[in-house]
C-alpha atoms as a PDB file:
ATOM      1  CA  UNK A   1      43.571 -21.776  22.782  1.00  0.00           C
ATOM      2  CA  UNK A   2      44.763 -20.780  18.709  1.00  0.00           C
ATOM      3  CA  UNK A   3      40.406 -20.742  17.786  1.00  0.00           C
ATOM      4  CA  UNK A   4      40.418 -18.416  21.439  1.00  0.00           C
ATOM      5  CA  UNK A   5      42.676 -16.669  19.942  1.00  0.00           C
ATOM      6  CA  UNK A   6      41.646 -15.711  16.233  1.00  0.00           C
ATOM      7  CA  UNK A   7      38.386 -15.321  17.642  1.00  0.00           C
ATOM      8  CA  UNK A   8      39.059 -12.205  20.203  1.00  0.00           C
ATOM      9  CA  UNK A   9      39.840 -10.620  17.180  1.00  0.00           C
ATOM     10  CA  UNK A  10      36.764  -9.729  15.658  1.00  0.00           C
ATOM     11  CA  UNK A  11      35.244  -6.707  17.355  1.00  0.00           C
ATOM     12  CA  UNK A  12      31.865  -6.887  16.597  1.00  0.00           C
ATOM     13  CA  UNK A  13      30.235  -3.177  16.340  1.00  0.00           C
ATOM     14  CA  UNK A  14      28.862  -2.208  19.672  1.00  0.00           C
ATOM     15  CA  UNK A  15      24.592  -1.325  19.149  1.00  0.00           C
ATOM     16  CA  UNK A  16      25.642   1.901  20.817  1.00  0.00           C
ATOM     17  CA  UNK A  17      27.676   2.622  17.613  1.00  0.00           C
ATOM     18  CA  UNK A  18      25.332   0.200  15.416  1.00  0.00           C
ATOM     19  CA  UNK A  19      22.194   2.601  16.113  1.00  0.00           C
ATOM     20  CA  UNK A  20      24.222   5.768  15.932  1.00  0.00           C
ATOM     21  CA  UNK A  21      25.805   4.805  12.117  1.00  0.00           C
ATOM     22  CA  UNK A  22      21.790   4.454  11.011  1.00  0.00           C
ATOM     23  CA  UNK A  23      20.606   7.469  12.963  1.00  0.00           C
ATOM     24  CA  UNK A  24      23.322   9.486  11.376  1.00  0.00           C
ATOM     25  CA  UNK A  25      22.116   8.007   7.739  1.00  0.00           C
ATOM     26  CA  UNK A  26      18.912   8.305   8.011  1.00  0.00           C
ATOM     27  CA  UNK A  27      16.843   6.297   5.299  1.00  0.00           C
ATOM     28  CA  UNK A  28      19.270   4.946   2.854  1.00  0.00           C
ATOM     29  CA  UNK A  29      16.488   3.076   0.855  1.00  0.00           C
ATOM     30  CA  UNK A  30      18.132   1.902  -2.723  1.00  0.00           C
ATOM     31  CA  UNK A  31      21.369   3.030  -1.570  1.00  0.00           C
ATOM     32  CA  UNK A  32      24.639   0.990  -2.033  1.00  0.00           C
ATOM     33  CA  UNK A  33      25.982   0.244   1.273  1.00  0.00           C
ATOM     34  CA  UNK A  34      29.786  -0.657   1.262  1.00  0.00           C
ATOM     35  CA  UNK A  35      30.922  -2.899   4.418  1.00  0.00           C
ATOM     36  CA  UNK A  36      34.330  -3.413   4.294  1.00  0.00           C
ATOM     37  CA  UNK A  37      36.059  -5.198   6.966  1.00  0.00           C
ATOM     38  CA  UNK A  38      32.719  -6.841   7.261  1.00  0.00           C
ATOM     39  CA  UNK A  39      33.445  -9.777   9.986  1.00  0.00           C
ATOM     40  CA  UNK A  40      30.071 -10.663  11.535  1.00  0.00           C
ATOM     41  CA  UNK A  41      29.063  -9.038   8.594  1.00  0.00           C
ATOM     42  CA  UNK A  42      26.098  -6.946  11.887  1.00  0.00           C
ATOM     43  CA  UNK A  43      26.862  -3.656   9.667  1.00  0.00           C
ATOM     44  CA  UNK A  44      26.036  -4.379   6.282  1.00  0.00           C
ATOM     45  CA  UNK A  45      22.652  -6.710   7.437  1.00  0.00           C
ATOM     46  CA  UNK A  46      21.395  -3.857   9.223  1.00  0.00           C
ATOM     47  CA  UNK A  47      21.458  -1.607   6.299  1.00  0.00           C
ATOM     48  CA  UNK A  48      20.410  -4.777   4.092  1.00  0.00           C
ATOM     49  CA  UNK A  49      17.602  -4.348   6.445  1.00  0.00           C
ATOM     50  CA  UNK A  50      16.687  -0.833   6.109  1.00  0.00           C
ATOM     51  CA  UNK A  51      16.860  -1.548   2.271  1.00  0.00           C
ATOM     52  CA  UNK A  52      19.817  -0.280   0.644  1.00  0.00           C
ATOM     53  CA  UNK A  53      21.685  -3.041  -1.371  1.00  0.00           C
ATOM     54  CA  UNK A  54      24.669  -4.319   0.313  1.00  0.00           C
ATOM     55  CA  UNK A  55      28.299  -5.635  -0.266  1.00  0.00           C
ATOM     56  CA  UNK A  56      30.175  -7.053   2.229  1.00  0.00           C
ATOM     57  CA  UNK A  57      33.743  -7.239   2.100  1.00  0.00           C
ATOM     58  CA  UNK A  58      35.749  -9.688   4.034  1.00  0.00           C
ATOM     59  CA  UNK A  59      39.203 -10.642   3.744  1.00  0.00           C
ATOM     60  CA  UNK A  60      38.915 -13.863   6.099  1.00  0.00           C
ATOM     61  CA  UNK A  61      37.181 -16.648   3.599  1.00  0.00           C
ATOM     62  CA  UNK A  62      34.899 -18.606   6.685  1.00  0.00           C
ATOM     63  CA  UNK A  63      33.942 -15.186   8.006  1.00  0.00           C
ATOM     64  CA  UNK A  64      32.948 -14.612   4.195  1.00  0.00           C
ATOM     65  CA  UNK A  65      31.406 -17.796   4.094  1.00  0.00           C
ATOM     66  CA  UNK A  66      28.832 -17.327   7.348  1.00  0.00           C
ATOM     67  CA  UNK A  67      28.445 -13.800   5.693  1.00  0.00           C
ATOM     68  CA  UNK A  68      27.185 -16.016   2.171  1.00  0.00           C
ATOM     69  CA  UNK A  69      25.005 -18.013   3.689  1.00  0.00           C
ATOM     70  CA  UNK A  70      22.421 -15.372   5.967  1.00  0.00           C
ATOM     71  CA  UNK A  71      22.730 -12.982   2.979  1.00  0.00           C
ATOM     72  CA  UNK A  72      21.670 -12.617  -1.115  1.00  0.00           C
ATOM     73  CA  UNK A  73      23.775  -9.823  -1.903  1.00  0.00           C
ATOM     74  CA  UNK A  74      27.419  -9.984  -2.883  1.00  0.00           C
ATOM     75  CA  UNK A  75      30.154 -11.188  -0.927  1.00  0.00           C
ATOM     76  CA  UNK A  76      33.792 -10.414  -1.640  1.00  0.00           C
ATOM     77  CA  UNK A  77      36.552 -11.921  -0.194  1.00  0.00           C
ATOM     78  CA  UNK A  78      39.725  -9.748  -0.209  1.00  0.00           C
ATOM     79  CA  UNK A  79      41.322  -6.625   1.548  1.00  0.00           C
ATOM     80  CA  UNK A  80      39.071  -4.287   1.712  1.00  0.00           C
ATOM     81  CA  UNK A  81      41.825  -1.740   0.011  1.00  0.00           C
ATOM     82  CA  UNK A  82      42.446  -4.207  -3.074  1.00  0.00           C
ATOM     83  CA  UNK A  83      38.722  -4.019  -3.119  1.00  0.00           C
ATOM     84  CA  UNK A  84      39.147  -0.280  -3.412  1.00  0.00           C
ATOM     85  CA  UNK A  85      41.378   0.224  -5.494  1.00  0.00           C
ATOM     86  CA  UNK A  86      39.590  -2.556  -8.280  1.00  0.00           C
ATOM     87  CA  UNK A  87      35.538  -1.288  -7.657  1.00  0.00           C
ATOM     88  CA  UNK A  88      34.865  -0.109 -10.657  1.00  0.00           C
ATOM     89  CA  UNK A  89      31.478   1.483  -8.984  1.00  0.00           C
ATOM     90  CA  UNK A  90      30.671   4.397  -7.067  1.00  0.00           C
ATOM     91  CA  UNK A  91      29.227   3.658  -3.059  1.00  0.00           C
ATOM     92  CA  UNK A  92      26.639   5.939  -1.492  1.00  0.00           C
ATOM     93  CA  UNK A  93      27.599   4.977   1.705  1.00  0.00           C
ATOM     94  CA  UNK A  94      31.161   3.353   2.600  1.00  0.00           C
ATOM     95  CA  UNK A  95      31.649   2.121   6.167  1.00  0.00           C
ATOM     96  CA  UNK A  96      34.910   0.345   7.398  1.00  0.00           C
ATOM     97  CA  UNK A  97      35.946  -0.799  10.666  1.00  0.00           C
ATOM     98  CA  UNK A  98      39.363  -1.885  10.952  1.00  0.00           C
ATOM     99  CA  UNK A  99      41.292  -3.370  12.899  1.00  0.00           C
ATOM    100  CA  UNK A 100      42.331  -0.715  15.628  1.00  0.00           C
ATOM    101  CA  UNK A 101      45.864  -1.426  15.593  1.00  0.00           C
ATOM    102  CA  UNK A 102      45.396  -0.597  11.514  1.00  0.00           C
ATOM    103  CA  UNK A 103      48.279   0.776   9.643  1.00  0.00           C
ATOM    104  CA  UNK A 104      46.978   2.015   6.865  1.00  0.00           C
ATOM    105  CA  UNK A 105      44.540   4.474   7.303  1.00  0.00           C
ATOM    106  CA  UNK A 106      45.430   7.792   5.291  1.00  0.00           C
ATOM    107  CA  UNK A 107      45.269   4.905   2.110  1.00  0.00           C
ATOM    108  CA  UNK A 108      41.758   3.329   3.521  1.00  0.00           C
ATOM    109  CA  UNK A 109      40.455   6.593   3.501  1.00  0.00           C
ATOM    110  CA  UNK A 110      41.183   8.331   0.184  1.00  0.00           C
ATOM    111  CA  UNK A 111      40.154   5.586  -1.535  1.00  0.00           C
ATOM    112  CA  UNK A 112      37.263   4.940   0.291  1.00  0.00           C
ATOM    113  CA  UNK A 113      36.271   8.918  -0.841  1.00  0.00           C
ATOM    114  CA  UNK A 114      37.281   8.283  -4.151  1.00  0.00           C
ATOM    115  CA  UNK A 115      34.426   5.880  -4.663  1.00  0.00           C
ATOM    116  CA  UNK A 116      31.300   7.697  -3.485  1.00  0.00           C
ATOM    117  CA  UNK A 117      29.098   8.768  -5.315  1.00  0.00           C
ATOM    118  CA  UNK A 118      28.340  13.106  -4.398  1.00  0.00           C
ATOM    119  CA  UNK A 119      27.155  13.546  -0.918  1.00  0.00           C
ATOM    120  CA  UNK A 120      27.819   9.959  -0.300  1.00  0.00           C
ATOM    121  CA  UNK A 121      29.108   8.928   3.541  1.00  0.00           C
ATOM    122  CA  UNK A 122      32.555   7.339   4.461  1.00  0.00           C
ATOM    123  CA  UNK A 123      32.230   5.736   8.355  1.00  0.00           C
ATOM    124  CA  UNK A 124      34.850   4.710   9.866  1.00  0.00           C
ATOM    125  CA  UNK A 125      35.396   3.451  13.271  1.00  0.00           C
ATOM    126  CA  UNK A 126      38.245   3.399  14.927  1.00  0.00           C
ATOM    127  CA  UNK A 127      39.904   4.358  18.515  1.00  0.00           C
ATOM    128  CA  UNK A 128      39.511   7.194  20.419  1.00  0.00           C
ATOM    129  CA  UNK A 129      43.263   6.573  20.084  1.00  0.00           C
ATOM    130  CA  UNK A 130      43.346   7.638  16.765  1.00  0.00           C
ATOM    131  CA  UNK A 131      42.069  11.494  15.554  1.00  0.00           C
ATOM    132  CA  UNK A 132      41.615  12.264  11.724  1.00  0.00           C
ATOM    133  CA  UNK A 133      40.236  16.004  10.024  1.00  0.00           C
ATOM    134  CA  UNK A 134      36.795  13.892   9.315  1.00  0.00           C
ATOM    135  CA  UNK A 135      34.454  16.079   8.339  1.00  0.00           C
ATOM    136  CA  UNK A 136      32.241  15.039  12.202  1.00  0.00           C
ATOM    137  CA  UNK A 137      33.430  12.600  14.921  1.00  0.00           C
ATOM    138  CA  UNK A 138      31.157  11.166  17.543  1.00  0.00           C
ATOM    139  CA  UNK A 139      32.641   9.303  20.699  1.00  0.00           C
ATOM    140  CA  UNK A 140      31.017   6.153  22.091  1.00  0.00           C
ATOM    141  CA  UNK A 141      33.144   5.220  24.912  1.00  0.00           C
ATOM    142  CA  UNK A 142      36.389   3.392  23.358  1.00  0.00           C
ATOM    143  CA  UNK A 143      35.297   4.497  19.514  1.00  0.00           C
ATOM    144  CA  UNK A 144      34.827   6.918  17.418  1.00  0.00           C
ATOM    145  CA  UNK A 145      32.928   7.414  14.489  1.00  0.00           C
ATOM    146  CA  UNK A 146      34.643   9.497  12.547  1.00  0.00           C
ATOM    147  CA  UNK A 147      31.934  10.849   9.450  1.00  0.00           C
ATOM    148  CA  UNK A 148      33.448  11.958   5.699  1.00  0.00           C
ATOM    149  CA  UNK A 149      30.811  13.269   3.233  1.00  0.00           C
ATOM    150  CA  UNK A 150      31.789  13.568  -0.291  1.00  0.00           C
ATOM    151  CA  UNK A 151      31.350  17.188  -1.153  1.00  0.00           C
ATOM    152  CA  UNK A 152      32.163  17.012  -5.460  1.00  0.00           C
ATOM    153  CA  UNK A 153      33.207  14.621  -7.976  1.00  0.00           C
END
């Protein structure tokens, strides 16, 4: 019973939303894509297929090990906020799909935007029950993609 409950915490991004993200981003070949709250790694794998260099960030060691088996890209076992605070580089795209009951959205948004290159995207997948002051948002059923684009350094 415990295993079934634990599995239900994983909420994979729907195919519609995955496709929408990559339609929004366009050509990402050669970019650095950070997949926060990677879960099963599906978003990062799609970015990898499109020629991006990917860093998967997942705090669950079992899920991270499964991602490692399927990629040659970097997999970091860490809390998303801790990763963002210690990351000493910049990224072109940061995608985050935290649990819908996540409590640190504002800190996540602030830290993710901070590490973006000029012109970079931060895309946050969340429940339509919460709203953010993003540059753009797209609604797909109960899911919303909030999108920020870094304008300056």
